[in-house]
C-alpha cells in the first residue's frame, strides 16, 4: 500500500512504498538521484520510499522506482500539476 505525505512548510513530498509490518521497512541508506529526489533503501535492498524536495515547483518521475504507480496516485490527488 502506497502512502503519500506532503509537508507544506518544508515543501517536501514523501511517498512510502512498503509497510513496516513486513519485517522490513527500516531505511538502511538513501540514494540521491539528484538535488531534488532521494530514494530510501531498506536492509533487504528493497525500496522503502521516495522523498521529493521543493515539490510545489514541479518534478519528474523519470528514474523513480514504481514511477507509473506513483504518477497515478499523485494524479488522483490532483495536487501536483507539474509532475512529468
N, C-alpha and C. Protein backbone atom coordinates (compact mmCIF):
# COMPACT_ATOMS: atom_id res chain seq x y z
N UNK A 1 0.84 -1.18 0.00
CA UNK A 1 0.00 0.00 0.00
C UNK A 1 0.88 1.24 0.00
N UNK A 2 0.59 2.15 -0.90
CA UNK A 2 1.36 3.37 -1.02
C UNK A 2 0.76 4.44 -0.11
N UNK A 3 1.63 5.15 0.59
CA UNK A 3 1.20 6.25 1.46
C UNK A 3 1.91 7.51 1.00
N UNK A 4 1.15 8.57 0.76
CA UNK A 4 1.72 9.83 0.30
C UNK A 4 1.51 10.88 1.37
N UNK A 5 2.62 11.52 1.75
CA UNK A 5 2.56 12.59 2.75
C UNK A 5 3.21 13.84 2.17
N UNK A 6 2.60 14.98 2.42
CA UNK A 6 3.15 16.25 1.97
C UNK A 6 3.26 17.19 3.15
N UNK A 7 4.44 17.79 3.30
CA UNK A 7 4.67 18.78 4.35
C UNK A 7 4.76 20.15 3.65
N UNK A 8 3.70 20.95 3.72
CA UNK A 8 3.71 22.23 3.01
C UNK A 8 4.75 23.22 3.54
N UNK A 9 5.06 23.13 4.82
CA UNK A 9 6.07 24.05 5.37
C UNK A 9 7.45 23.77 4.78
N UNK A 10 7.79 22.50 4.63
CA UNK A 10 9.08 22.12 4.05
C UNK A 10 9.00 21.98 2.53
N UNK A 11 7.78 22.00 1.99
CA UNK A 11 7.53 21.75 0.57
C UNK A 11 8.18 20.43 0.15
N UNK A 12 7.97 19.41 0.98
CA UNK A 12 8.55 18.09 0.75
C UNK A 12 7.45 17.04 0.67
N UNK A 13 7.61 16.16 -0.29
CA UNK A 13 6.67 15.08 -0.53
C UNK A 13 7.37 13.78 -0.20
N UNK A 14 6.70 12.89 0.54
CA UNK A 14 7.28 11.57 0.82
C UNK A 14 6.27 10.52 0.38
N UNK A 15 6.73 9.60 -0.44
CA UNK A 15 5.90 8.52 -0.94
C UNK A 15 6.45 7.22 -0.37
N UNK A 16 5.70 6.63 0.55
CA UNK A 16 6.11 5.38 1.20
C UNK A 16 5.58 4.22 0.37
N UNK A 17 6.49 3.32 -0.04
CA UNK A 17 6.12 2.23 -0.93
C UNK A 17 6.01 0.89 -0.22
N UNK A 18 6.55 0.75 0.99
CA UNK A 18 6.49 -0.52 1.71
C UNK A 18 5.97 -0.30 3.12
N UNK A 19 5.49 -1.37 3.71
CA UNK A 19 4.96 -1.33 5.08
C UNK A 19 6.03 -1.78 6.07
N UNK A 20 5.94 -1.31 7.28
CA UNK A 20 6.83 -1.76 8.36
C UNK A 20 6.49 -3.17 8.82
N UNK A 21 5.25 -3.61 8.65
CA UNK A 21 4.80 -4.89 9.17
C UNK A 21 5.49 -6.08 8.52
N UNK A 22 6.13 -5.90 7.40
CA UNK A 22 6.74 -7.00 6.66
C UNK A 22 8.03 -7.49 7.30
N UNK A 23 8.46 -6.86 8.37
CA UNK A 23 9.75 -7.21 8.94
C UNK A 23 10.85 -6.38 8.31
N UNK A 24 10.49 -5.69 7.25
CA UNK A 24 11.41 -4.76 6.60
C UNK A 24 10.81 -3.37 6.78
N UNK A 25 11.30 -2.44 6.12
CA UNK A 25 10.72 -1.12 6.18
C UNK A 25 11.60 -0.09 6.85
N UNK A 26 12.65 -0.53 7.54
CA UNK A 26 13.59 0.43 8.11
C UNK A 26 14.58 0.85 7.05
N UNK A 27 14.86 2.12 7.00
CA UNK A 27 15.78 2.64 6.00
C UNK A 27 17.21 2.30 6.39
N UNK A 28 17.91 1.66 5.46
CA UNK A 28 19.31 1.31 5.64
C UNK A 28 20.22 2.41 5.09
N UNK A 29 19.85 2.92 3.93
CA UNK A 29 20.60 4.02 3.32
C UNK A 29 19.71 4.76 2.33
N UNK A 30 20.17 5.90 1.91
CA UNK A 30 19.42 6.74 0.98
C UNK A 30 20.26 6.99 -0.26
N UNK A 31 19.64 6.81 -1.41
CA UNK A 31 20.31 7.06 -2.69
C UNK A 31 19.78 8.39 -3.24
N UNK A 32 20.67 9.32 -3.48
CA UNK A 32 20.29 10.62 -4.02
C UNK A 32 20.29 10.54 -5.54
N UNK A 33 19.12 10.72 -6.15
CA UNK A 33 19.04 10.70 -7.60
C UNK A 33 19.50 12.02 -8.19
N UNK A 34 19.14 13.09 -7.53
CA UNK A 34 19.58 14.43 -7.90
C UNK A 34 19.31 15.34 -6.70
N UNK A 35 19.49 16.62 -6.88
CA UNK A 35 19.34 17.57 -5.77
C UNK A 35 17.93 17.55 -5.17
N UNK A 36 16.95 17.17 -5.96
CA UNK A 36 15.55 17.25 -5.54
C UNK A 36 14.97 15.91 -5.08
N UNK A 37 15.53 14.78 -5.54
CA UNK A 37 14.89 13.48 -5.32
C UNK A 37 15.83 12.49 -4.66
N UNK A 38 15.29 11.78 -3.64
CA UNK A 38 16.05 10.77 -2.90
C UNK A 38 15.20 9.52 -2.76
N UNK A 39 15.87 8.36 -2.79
CA UNK A 39 15.19 7.08 -2.64
C UNK A 39 15.73 6.40 -1.40
N UNK A 40 14.85 6.04 -0.46
CA UNK A 40 15.23 5.31 0.75
C UNK A 40 15.22 3.82 0.46
N UNK A 41 16.31 3.15 0.83
CA UNK A 41 16.50 1.72 0.59
C UNK A 41 16.60 1.00 1.93
N UNK A 42 15.96 -0.18 2.01
CA UNK A 42 15.99 -0.98 3.23
C UNK A 42 17.14 -1.96 3.25
N UNK A 43 17.26 -2.68 4.37
CA UNK A 43 18.35 -3.64 4.55
C UNK A 43 18.31 -4.78 3.55
N UNK A 44 17.13 -5.16 3.10
CA UNK A 44 16.99 -6.24 2.12
C UNK A 44 17.06 -5.68 0.69
N UNK A 45 17.57 -4.47 0.54
CA UNK A 45 17.73 -3.78 -0.74
C UNK A 45 16.39 -3.45 -1.41
N UNK A 46 15.31 -3.38 -0.60
CA UNK A 46 14.01 -3.02 -1.14
C UNK A 46 13.82 -1.50 -1.04
N UNK A 47 13.05 -0.96 -1.95
CA UNK A 47 12.77 0.47 -1.94
C UNK A 47 11.70 0.73 -0.88
N UNK A 48 12.04 1.58 0.09
CA UNK A 48 11.12 1.92 1.17
C UNK A 48 10.24 3.11 0.77
N UNK A 49 10.87 4.13 0.22
CA UNK A 49 10.11 5.32 -0.14
C UNK A 49 10.92 6.30 -0.95
N UNK A 50 10.25 7.34 -1.39
CA UNK A 50 10.86 8.37 -2.23
C UNK A 50 10.55 9.73 -1.60
N UNK A 51 11.58 10.56 -1.48
CA UNK A 51 11.40 11.93 -0.98
C UNK A 51 11.64 12.89 -2.13
N UNK A 52 10.74 13.86 -2.25
CA UNK A 52 10.87 14.88 -3.29
C UNK A 52 10.82 16.24 -2.61
N UNK A 53 11.90 16.99 -2.77
CA UNK A 53 12.00 18.32 -2.19
C UNK A 53 11.48 19.36 -3.18
N UNK A 54 11.04 20.49 -2.68
CA UNK A 54 10.50 21.58 -3.50
C UNK A 54 9.42 21.04 -4.44
N UNK A 55 8.55 20.21 -3.91
CA UNK A 55 7.55 19.51 -4.71
C UNK A 55 6.60 20.46 -5.45
N UNK A 56 6.27 21.58 -4.85
CA UNK A 56 5.32 22.50 -5.48
C UNK A 56 5.89 23.15 -6.74
N UNK A 57 7.21 23.09 -6.91
CA UNK A 57 7.86 23.68 -8.08
C UNK A 57 7.84 22.75 -9.29
N UNK A 58 7.32 21.53 -9.09
CA UNK A 58 7.29 20.55 -10.17
C UNK A 58 8.47 19.61 -10.05
N UNK A 59 8.31 18.42 -10.59
CA UNK A 59 9.37 17.41 -10.54
C UNK A 59 9.09 16.34 -11.58
N UNK A 60 10.11 15.55 -11.86
CA UNK A 60 9.98 14.46 -12.81
C UNK A 60 9.96 13.12 -12.09
N UNK A 61 9.21 12.19 -12.64
CA UNK A 61 9.17 10.83 -12.11
C UNK A 61 10.20 9.94 -12.79
N UNK A 62 10.86 10.45 -13.82
CA UNK A 62 11.85 9.66 -14.56
C UNK A 62 12.92 9.14 -13.61
N UNK A 63 13.20 7.86 -13.71
CA UNK A 63 14.24 7.25 -12.88
C UNK A 63 13.77 6.78 -11.52
N UNK A 64 12.51 7.07 -11.17
CA UNK A 64 11.99 6.63 -9.87
C UNK A 64 11.47 5.20 -9.96
N UNK A 65 11.64 4.42 -8.91
CA UNK A 65 11.03 3.10 -8.87
C UNK A 65 9.51 3.24 -8.82
N UNK A 66 8.81 2.36 -9.48
CA UNK A 66 7.34 2.36 -9.49
C UNK A 66 6.76 3.69 -9.95
N UNK A 67 7.44 4.32 -10.90
CA UNK A 67 7.03 5.68 -11.30
C UNK A 67 5.62 5.74 -11.87
N UNK A 68 5.19 4.70 -12.56
CA UNK A 68 3.83 4.72 -13.12
C UNK A 68 2.79 4.75 -12.00
N UNK A 69 2.98 3.87 -10.99
CA UNK A 69 2.05 3.82 -9.87
C UNK A 69 2.07 5.12 -9.07
N UNK A 70 3.27 5.66 -8.87
CA UNK A 70 3.40 6.94 -8.16
C UNK A 70 2.67 8.04 -8.93
N UNK A 71 2.87 8.09 -10.24
CA UNK A 71 2.22 9.09 -11.07
C UNK A 71 0.71 9.00 -11.01
N UNK A 72 0.18 7.77 -11.07
CA UNK A 72 -1.27 7.59 -10.99
C UNK A 72 -1.81 8.05 -9.64
N UNK A 73 -1.09 7.72 -8.57
CA UNK A 73 -1.53 8.12 -7.23
C UNK A 73 -1.51 9.65 -7.08
N UNK A 74 -0.46 10.29 -7.57
CA UNK A 74 -0.37 11.75 -7.47
C UNK A 74 -1.43 12.42 -8.34
N UNK A 75 -1.66 11.88 -9.53
CA UNK A 75 -2.69 12.46 -10.41
C UNK A 75 -4.07 12.37 -9.80
N UNK A 76 -4.33 11.29 -9.07
CA UNK A 76 -5.64 11.14 -8.43
C UNK A 76 -5.84 12.17 -7.32
N UNK A 77 -4.73 12.64 -6.73
CA UNK A 77 -4.83 13.69 -5.71
C UNK A 77 -5.07 15.05 -6.35
N UNK A 78 -4.52 15.25 -7.56
CA UNK A 78 -4.70 16.50 -8.27
C UNK A 78 -3.95 17.67 -7.67
N UNK A 79 -3.03 17.41 -6.76
CA UNK A 79 -2.34 18.49 -6.06
C UNK A 79 -1.11 18.98 -6.80
N UNK A 80 -0.40 18.09 -7.45
CA UNK A 80 0.89 18.42 -8.06
C UNK A 80 0.74 18.42 -9.58
N UNK A 81 0.43 19.59 -10.13
CA UNK A 81 0.16 19.70 -11.56
C UNK A 81 1.42 19.60 -12.40
N UNK A 82 2.58 19.86 -11.83
CA UNK A 82 3.81 19.89 -12.61
C UNK A 82 4.61 18.61 -12.50
N UNK A 83 3.92 17.48 -12.48
CA UNK A 83 4.59 16.18 -12.42
C UNK A 83 4.77 15.69 -13.83
N UNK A 84 5.99 15.28 -14.17
CA UNK A 84 6.24 14.74 -15.52
C UNK A 84 6.96 13.42 -15.45
